[in-house]
């Protein structure tokens, strides 16, 4: 994996409106720019995110649920 996605966003070569919308605000535009043009920064942040995700415990049985609609908790 690499930071090509962010370079595509900067060149407006994206499929989804939500991708292009990352350039609409100064805050997200700056994040896209930093990730697009600093591959080492992107790699470090990506690695840190993977380590963080590895620490997420899987919920099983009654402690978790698969949502039928991702926006809301299933009703009883």
Protein backbone atom coordinates (compact mmCIF):
# COMPACT_ATOMS: atom_id res chain seq x y z
CA UNK A 1 0.00 0.00 0.00
CA UNK A 2 1.10 3.54 -0.61
CA UNK A 3 -0.18 7.10 -0.66
CA UNK A 4 -1.41 7.00 -4.28
CA UNK A 5 -5.00 7.53 -3.12
CA UNK A 6 -4.07 10.95 -1.71
CA UNK A 7 -2.15 11.88 -4.85
CA UNK A 8 -5.26 10.96 -6.86
CA UNK A 9 -7.41 13.17 -4.63
CA UNK A 10 -5.00 16.08 -5.14
CA UNK A 11 -5.20 15.64 -8.92
CA UNK A 12 -9.01 15.26 -8.67
CA UNK A 13 -8.77 11.79 -10.17
CA UNK A 14 -11.32 10.11 -7.87
CA UNK A 15 -14.46 8.05 -8.29
CA UNK A 16 -16.63 9.26 -5.43
CA UNK A 17 -17.91 12.70 -4.51
CA UNK A 18 -16.94 11.96 -0.91
CA UNK A 19 -13.30 11.60 -2.01
CA UNK A 20 -13.35 14.92 -3.85
CA UNK A 21 -15.02 16.54 -0.83
CA UNK A 22 -11.79 16.07 1.13
CA UNK A 23 -10.50 19.15 -0.69
CA UNK A 24 -13.47 21.30 0.34
CA UNK A 25 -12.26 22.22 3.82
CA UNK A 26 -8.87 23.68 4.69
CA UNK A 27 -8.34 21.12 7.46
CA UNK A 28 -8.95 18.03 5.31
CA UNK A 29 -7.21 19.56 2.28
CA UNK A 30 -4.09 20.01 4.40
CA UNK A 31 -4.25 16.39 5.59
CA UNK A 32 -4.62 15.16 2.00
CA UNK A 33 -1.68 17.31 0.90
CA UNK A 34 0.57 16.03 3.70
CA UNK A 35 -0.29 12.42 2.94
CA UNK A 36 0.07 12.89 -0.82
CA UNK A 37 3.50 14.48 -0.79
CA UNK A 38 5.17 12.89 2.23
CA UNK A 39 5.22 9.13 1.68
CA UNK A 40 7.28 8.47 4.80
CA UNK A 41 4.73 10.30 6.98
CA UNK A 42 1.89 8.31 5.40
CA UNK A 43 3.72 5.00 5.95
CA UNK A 44 4.37 5.81 9.61
CA UNK A 45 0.78 6.86 10.26
CA UNK A 46 -0.59 3.82 8.40
CA UNK A 47 1.62 1.46 10.44
CA UNK A 48 0.51 3.12 13.69
CA UNK A 49 -3.15 2.76 12.66
CA UNK A 50 -2.67 -0.96 11.93
CA UNK A 51 -1.07 -1.50 15.34
CA UNK A 52 -3.94 0.37 16.99
CA UNK A 53 -6.54 -1.68 15.09
CA UNK A 54 -4.84 -4.91 16.15
CA UNK A 55 -5.69 -4.01 19.74
CA UNK A 56 -9.43 -3.88 19.09
CA UNK A 57 -11.07 -6.83 20.80
CA UNK A 58 -13.61 -8.86 18.87
CA UNK A 59 -16.99 -8.88 20.55
CA UNK A 60 -18.70 -12.25 20.58
CA UNK A 61 -21.96 -13.69 21.82
CA UNK A 62 -24.21 -11.26 23.67
CA UNK A 63 -21.50 -8.59 23.95
CA UNK A 64 -21.75 -7.58 20.30
CA UNK A 65 -24.03 -7.57 17.29
CA UNK A 66 -23.97 -7.30 13.52
CA UNK A 67 -26.02 -4.24 12.66
CA UNK A 68 -28.74 -4.54 10.04
CA UNK A 69 -28.37 -0.78 9.46
CA UNK A 70 -24.88 0.57 10.19
CA UNK A 71 -26.30 3.89 11.42
CA UNK A 72 -28.33 2.50 14.32
CA UNK A 73 -28.12 -0.17 17.01
CA UNK A 74 -30.46 -3.08 16.29
CA UNK A 75 -33.70 -2.96 18.27
CA UNK A 76 -34.47 -5.86 20.61
